[in-house]
Amino acid sequence: MATDYDAPRKTDEENEDSLEELKTRRNDKNSGKVDEDEVEAAETFELPGADLSHEELTVRVLPRQADEFTCASCFLVKHRSQIAQEKDGQYYCVDCAG
């Protein structure tokens, strides 16, 4: 079905609401209420940057393996396949050499 977007969306007859209808919309007591369930859900939602000082992280840290190297620029431990260049006995990863 083709739609004429230049045509007015409502005619003047449709825009004229009765005064009583407008008053009942204004006096509708439920229009401004917030659903209490939504408020409770918002209280339990954690925002980014929240205080996590009471949380404890448990991470197992492994020493550098035989097939890994430490980049001399970013100091990240990477696999040997990521070596881009070697200067003076120091290795640089693909990301830092690029």
N, C-alpha and C. Protein backbone atom coordinates (compact mmCIF):
# COMPACT_ATOMS: atom_id res chain seq x y z
N MET A 1 0.84 -1.18 0.00
CA MET A 1 0.00 0.00 0.00
C MET A 1 0.89 1.25 0.00
N ALA A 2 0.66 2.13 -0.93
CA ALA A 2 1.46 3.34 -1.05
C ALA A 2 1.01 4.37 -0.02
N THR A 3 1.99 5.09 0.54
CA THR A 3 1.69 6.10 1.54
C THR A 3 2.19 7.44 1.05
N ASP A 4 1.34 8.43 1.14
CA ASP A 4 1.72 9.77 0.76
C ASP A 4 2.23 10.48 2.02
N TYR A 5 3.55 10.64 2.11
CA TYR A 5 4.13 11.22 3.30
C TYR A 5 3.96 12.74 3.37
N ASP A 6 3.58 13.37 2.26
CA ASP A 6 3.36 14.81 2.26
C ASP A 6 1.96 15.17 2.74
N ALA A 7 1.08 14.22 2.78
CA ALA A 7 -0.30 14.48 3.20
C ALA A 7 -0.34 14.69 4.71
N PRO A 8 -1.24 15.55 5.18
CA PRO A 8 -1.37 15.73 6.63
C PRO A 8 -1.80 14.42 7.30
N ARG A 9 -1.33 14.20 8.49
CA ARG A 9 -1.60 12.94 9.16
C ARG A 9 -3.00 12.89 9.77
N LYS A 10 -3.48 14.02 10.24
CA LYS A 10 -4.82 14.05 10.82
C LYS A 10 -5.58 15.22 10.21
N THR A 11 -6.83 15.03 10.10
CA THR A 11 -7.66 16.13 9.62
C THR A 11 -8.06 16.98 10.81
N ASP A 12 -8.64 18.14 10.55
CA ASP A 12 -9.07 19.04 11.62
C ASP A 12 -10.16 18.42 12.48
N GLU A 13 -10.99 17.59 11.88
CA GLU A 13 -12.07 16.96 12.63
C GLU A 13 -11.49 15.99 13.67
N GLU A 14 -10.41 15.30 13.36
CA GLU A 14 -9.82 14.35 14.28
C GLU A 14 -9.08 15.05 15.41
N ASN A 15 -8.56 16.26 15.19
CA ASN A 15 -7.80 16.98 16.19
C ASN A 15 -8.68 17.63 17.25
N GLU A 16 -9.93 17.84 16.96
CA GLU A 16 -10.81 18.52 17.90
C GLU A 16 -11.35 17.52 18.91
N ASP A 17 -10.75 17.52 20.11
CA ASP A 17 -11.24 16.68 21.19
C ASP A 17 -12.19 17.51 22.03
N SER A 18 -13.13 16.85 22.61
CA SER A 18 -14.07 17.57 23.45
C SER A 18 -13.38 18.04 24.72
N LEU A 19 -13.89 19.10 25.30
CA LEU A 19 -13.32 19.67 26.50
C LEU A 19 -13.40 18.67 27.65
N GLU A 20 -14.49 17.94 27.70
CA GLU A 20 -14.66 16.94 28.76
C GLU A 20 -13.63 15.82 28.63
N GLU A 21 -13.34 15.40 27.41
CA GLU A 21 -12.37 14.34 27.19
C GLU A 21 -10.98 14.79 27.61
N LEU A 22 -10.61 16.04 27.30
CA LEU A 22 -9.32 16.56 27.71
C LEU A 22 -9.21 16.67 29.22
N LYS A 23 -10.30 17.06 29.89
CA LYS A 23 -10.29 17.17 31.35
C LYS A 23 -10.13 15.80 32.00
N THR A 24 -10.76 14.78 31.44
CA THR A 24 -10.64 13.45 32.03
C THR A 24 -9.22 12.91 31.84
N ARG A 25 -8.59 13.23 30.75
CA ARG A 25 -7.20 12.81 30.55
C ARG A 25 -6.28 13.50 31.55
N ARG A 26 -6.53 14.76 31.81
CA ARG A 26 -5.70 15.52 32.74
C ARG A 26 -5.90 15.03 34.17
N ASN A 27 -7.09 14.66 34.50
CA ASN A 27 -7.41 14.23 35.86
C ASN A 27 -7.19 12.74 36.10
N ASP A 28 -6.68 12.04 35.11
CA ASP A 28 -6.45 10.61 35.27
C ASP A 28 -5.37 10.41 36.33
N LYS A 29 -5.73 9.78 37.42
CA LYS A 29 -4.83 9.66 38.57
C LYS A 29 -3.72 8.65 38.33
N ASN A 30 -3.88 7.70 37.44
CA ASN A 30 -2.88 6.67 37.21
C ASN A 30 -1.83 7.08 36.19
N SER A 31 -1.99 8.23 35.55
CA SER A 31 -1.08 8.60 34.48
C SER A 31 0.32 8.94 34.99
N GLY A 32 0.44 9.50 36.20
CA GLY A 32 1.74 9.90 36.71
C GLY A 32 2.39 8.89 37.63
N LYS A 33 1.73 7.78 37.89
CA LYS A 33 2.28 6.79 38.82
C LYS A 33 3.39 5.99 38.17
N VAL A 34 4.37 5.64 38.99
CA VAL A 34 5.46 4.80 38.54
C VAL A 34 5.20 3.41 39.08
N ASP A 35 5.40 2.43 38.26
CA ASP A 35 5.22 1.05 38.69
C ASP A 35 6.24 0.74 39.79
N GLU A 36 5.78 0.28 40.94
CA GLU A 36 6.67 0.05 42.07
C GLU A 36 7.65 -1.07 41.79
N ASP A 37 7.28 -2.04 40.97
CA ASP A 37 8.20 -3.12 40.65
C ASP A 37 9.41 -2.60 39.88
N GLU A 38 9.22 -1.63 39.02
CA GLU A 38 10.33 -1.04 38.28
C GLU A 38 11.28 -0.31 39.21
N VAL A 39 10.72 0.33 40.24
CA VAL A 39 11.56 1.05 41.20
C VAL A 39 12.40 0.05 41.98
N GLU A 40 11.81 -1.06 42.41
CA GLU A 40 12.57 -2.07 43.14
C GLU A 40 13.67 -2.67 42.26
N ALA A 41 13.38 -2.89 41.00
CA ALA A 41 14.38 -3.44 40.08
C ALA A 41 15.53 -2.46 39.88
N ALA A 42 15.24 -1.17 39.85
CA ALA A 42 16.28 -0.17 39.65
C ALA A 42 17.19 -0.08 40.87
N GLU A 43 16.67 -0.36 42.06
CA GLU A 43 17.50 -0.29 43.25
C GLU A 43 18.53 -1.40 43.30
N THR A 44 18.22 -2.56 42.72
CA THR A 44 19.15 -3.68 42.75
C THR A 44 20.13 -3.65 41.58
N PHE A 45 19.97 -2.74 40.66
CA PHE A 45 20.84 -2.64 39.49
C PHE A 45 22.14 -1.95 39.87
N GLU A 46 23.28 -2.57 39.53
CA GLU A 46 24.58 -1.97 39.84
C GLU A 46 25.08 -1.17 38.65
N LEU A 47 25.49 0.04 38.92
CA LEU A 47 26.01 0.92 37.89
C LEU A 47 27.50 0.68 37.70
N PRO A 48 28.03 0.99 36.49
CA PRO A 48 29.47 0.87 36.28
C PRO A 48 30.22 1.83 37.21
N GLY A 49 31.35 1.38 37.69
CA GLY A 49 32.12 2.21 38.60
C GLY A 49 31.69 2.07 40.04
N ALA A 50 30.85 1.08 40.33
CA ALA A 50 30.38 0.87 41.69
C ALA A 50 31.54 0.43 42.58
N ASP A 51 31.40 0.64 43.88
CA ASP A 51 32.44 0.27 44.84
C ASP A 51 32.48 -1.24 44.98
N LEU A 52 33.56 -1.84 44.54
CA LEU A 52 33.74 -3.29 44.62
C LEU A 52 34.85 -3.66 45.59
N SER A 53 35.15 -2.77 46.53
CA SER A 53 36.26 -3.01 47.44
C SER A 53 36.01 -4.20 48.36
N HIS A 54 34.76 -4.55 48.58
CA HIS A 54 34.46 -5.68 49.45
C HIS A 54 34.52 -7.02 48.70
N GLU A 55 34.67 -6.98 47.38
CA GLU A 55 34.74 -8.20 46.58
C GLU A 55 36.16 -8.75 46.59
N GLU A 56 36.28 -10.07 46.53
CA GLU A 56 37.58 -10.71 46.50
C GLU A 56 37.72 -11.51 45.22
N LEU A 57 38.80 -11.28 44.49
CA LEU A 57 39.04 -11.99 43.25
C LEU A 57 40.02 -13.12 43.50
N THR A 58 39.74 -14.25 42.90
CA THR A 58 40.67 -15.37 42.99
C THR A 58 41.08 -15.75 41.58
N VAL A 59 42.33 -15.44 41.24
CA VAL A 59 42.85 -15.70 39.91
C VAL A 59 44.12 -16.53 40.06
N ARG A 60 44.22 -17.55 39.27
CA ARG A 60 45.42 -18.38 39.30
C ARG A 60 46.42 -17.80 38.30
N VAL A 61 47.57 -17.38 38.78
CA VAL A 61 48.59 -16.77 37.94
C VAL A 61 49.65 -17.82 37.65
N LEU A 62 49.92 -18.01 36.36
CA LEU A 62 50.94 -18.97 35.94
C LEU A 62 52.21 -18.23 35.53
N PRO A 63 53.37 -18.80 35.79
CA PRO A 63 54.60 -18.16 35.31
C PRO A 63 54.70 -18.28 33.79
N ARG A 64 55.57 -17.45 33.20
CA ARG A 64 55.74 -17.47 31.75
C ARG A 64 56.19 -18.86 31.31
N GLN A 65 55.54 -19.38 30.27
CA GLN A 65 55.85 -20.71 29.76
C GLN A 65 57.03 -20.65 28.79
N ALA A 66 57.54 -21.80 28.41
CA ALA A 66 58.71 -21.88 27.53
C ALA A 66 58.42 -21.33 26.14
N ASP A 67 57.15 -21.41 25.68
CA ASP A 67 56.80 -20.94 24.34
C ASP A 67 56.21 -19.52 24.38
N GLU A 68 56.49 -18.76 25.43
CA GLU A 68 55.97 -17.40 25.55
C GLU A 68 57.13 -16.42 25.74
N PHE A 69 56.84 -15.14 25.49
CA PHE A 69 57.83 -14.09 25.69
C PHE A 69 57.14 -12.87 26.27
N THR A 70 57.91 -11.97 26.84
CA THR A 70 57.37 -10.72 27.36
C THR A 70 57.76 -9.59 26.42
N CYS A 71 56.79 -8.87 25.92
CA CYS A 71 57.05 -7.76 25.00
C CYS A 71 57.79 -6.65 25.74
N ALA A 72 58.83 -6.11 25.12
CA ALA A 72 59.63 -5.06 25.74
C ALA A 72 58.92 -3.71 25.73
N SER A 73 57.83 -3.58 24.98
CA SER A 73 57.11 -2.32 24.90
C SER A 73 55.87 -2.30 25.80
N CYS A 74 55.00 -3.29 25.65
CA CYS A 74 53.74 -3.30 26.42
C CYS A 74 53.82 -4.20 27.65
N PHE A 75 54.88 -5.00 27.76
CA PHE A 75 55.13 -5.87 28.90
C PHE A 75 54.07 -6.96 29.08
N LEU A 76 53.37 -7.30 28.03
CA LEU A 76 52.42 -8.40 28.07
C LEU A 76 53.12 -9.70 27.70
N VAL A 77 52.69 -10.77 28.32
CA VAL A 77 53.22 -12.09 27.99
C VAL A 77 52.41 -12.64 26.83
N LYS A 78 53.12 -12.96 25.73
CA LYS A 78 52.44 -13.43 24.53
C LYS A 78 53.11 -14.69 24.01
N HIS A 79 52.42 -15.38 23.14
CA HIS A 79 52.96 -16.60 22.53
C HIS A 79 54.07 -16.22 21.54
N ARG A 80 55.03 -17.11 21.34
CA ARG A 80 56.16 -16.83 20.44
C ARG A 80 55.72 -16.51 19.02
N SER A 81 54.56 -16.98 18.61
CA SER A 81 54.07 -16.69 17.26
C SER A 81 53.74 -15.21 17.08
N GLN A 82 53.69 -14.44 18.17
CA GLN A 82 53.38 -13.02 18.11
C GLN A 82 54.61 -12.12 18.05
N ILE A 83 55.80 -12.73 17.97
CA ILE A 83 57.03 -11.93 17.90
C ILE A 83 57.11 -11.27 16.53
N ALA A 84 57.27 -9.94 16.53
CA ALA A 84 57.39 -9.20 15.28
C ALA A 84 58.84 -8.89 14.98
N GLN A 85 59.59 -8.48 16.00
CA GLN A 85 61.00 -8.16 15.77
C GLN A 85 61.78 -8.31 17.08
N GLU A 86 63.08 -8.41 16.92
CA GLU A 86 63.98 -8.52 18.07
C GLU A 86 65.04 -7.45 17.93
N LYS A 87 65.23 -6.66 18.98
CA LYS A 87 66.27 -5.62 19.00
C LYS A 87 67.07 -5.77 20.28
N ASP A 88 68.35 -5.92 20.16
CA ASP A 88 69.25 -5.99 21.31
C ASP A 88 68.81 -7.03 22.33
N GLY A 89 68.35 -8.16 21.86
CA GLY A 89 67.93 -9.24 22.75
C GLY A 89 66.56 -9.07 23.37
N GLN A 90 65.84 -8.01 22.98
CA GLN A 90 64.49 -7.78 23.49
C GLN A 90 63.48 -8.05 22.38
N TYR A 91 62.39 -8.65 22.74
CA TYR A 91 61.35 -9.02 21.76
C TYR A 91 60.19 -8.03 21.81
N TYR A 92 59.62 -7.76 20.63
CA TYR A 92 58.47 -6.86 20.52
C TYR A 92 57.35 -7.62 19.84
N CYS A 93 56.12 -7.44 20.34
CA CYS A 93 54.98 -8.16 19.78
C CYS A 93 54.51 -7.49 18.49
N VAL A 94 53.64 -8.17 17.79
CA VAL A 94 53.09 -7.68 16.51
C VAL A 94 52.34 -6.36 16.72
N ASP A 95 51.61 -6.24 17.82
CA ASP A 95 50.82 -5.03 18.08
C ASP A 95 51.71 -3.81 18.30
N CYS A 96 52.81 -3.97 19.01
CA CYS A 96 53.68 -2.82 19.31
C CYS A 96 54.61 -2.48 18.15
N ALA A 97 54.98 -3.45 17.37
CA ALA A 97 55.90 -3.18 16.25
C ALA A 97 55.17 -2.59 15.05
N GLY A 98 53.87 -2.78 14.98
CA GLY A 98 53.08 -2.32 13.83
C GLY A 98 52.91 -0.89 13.79
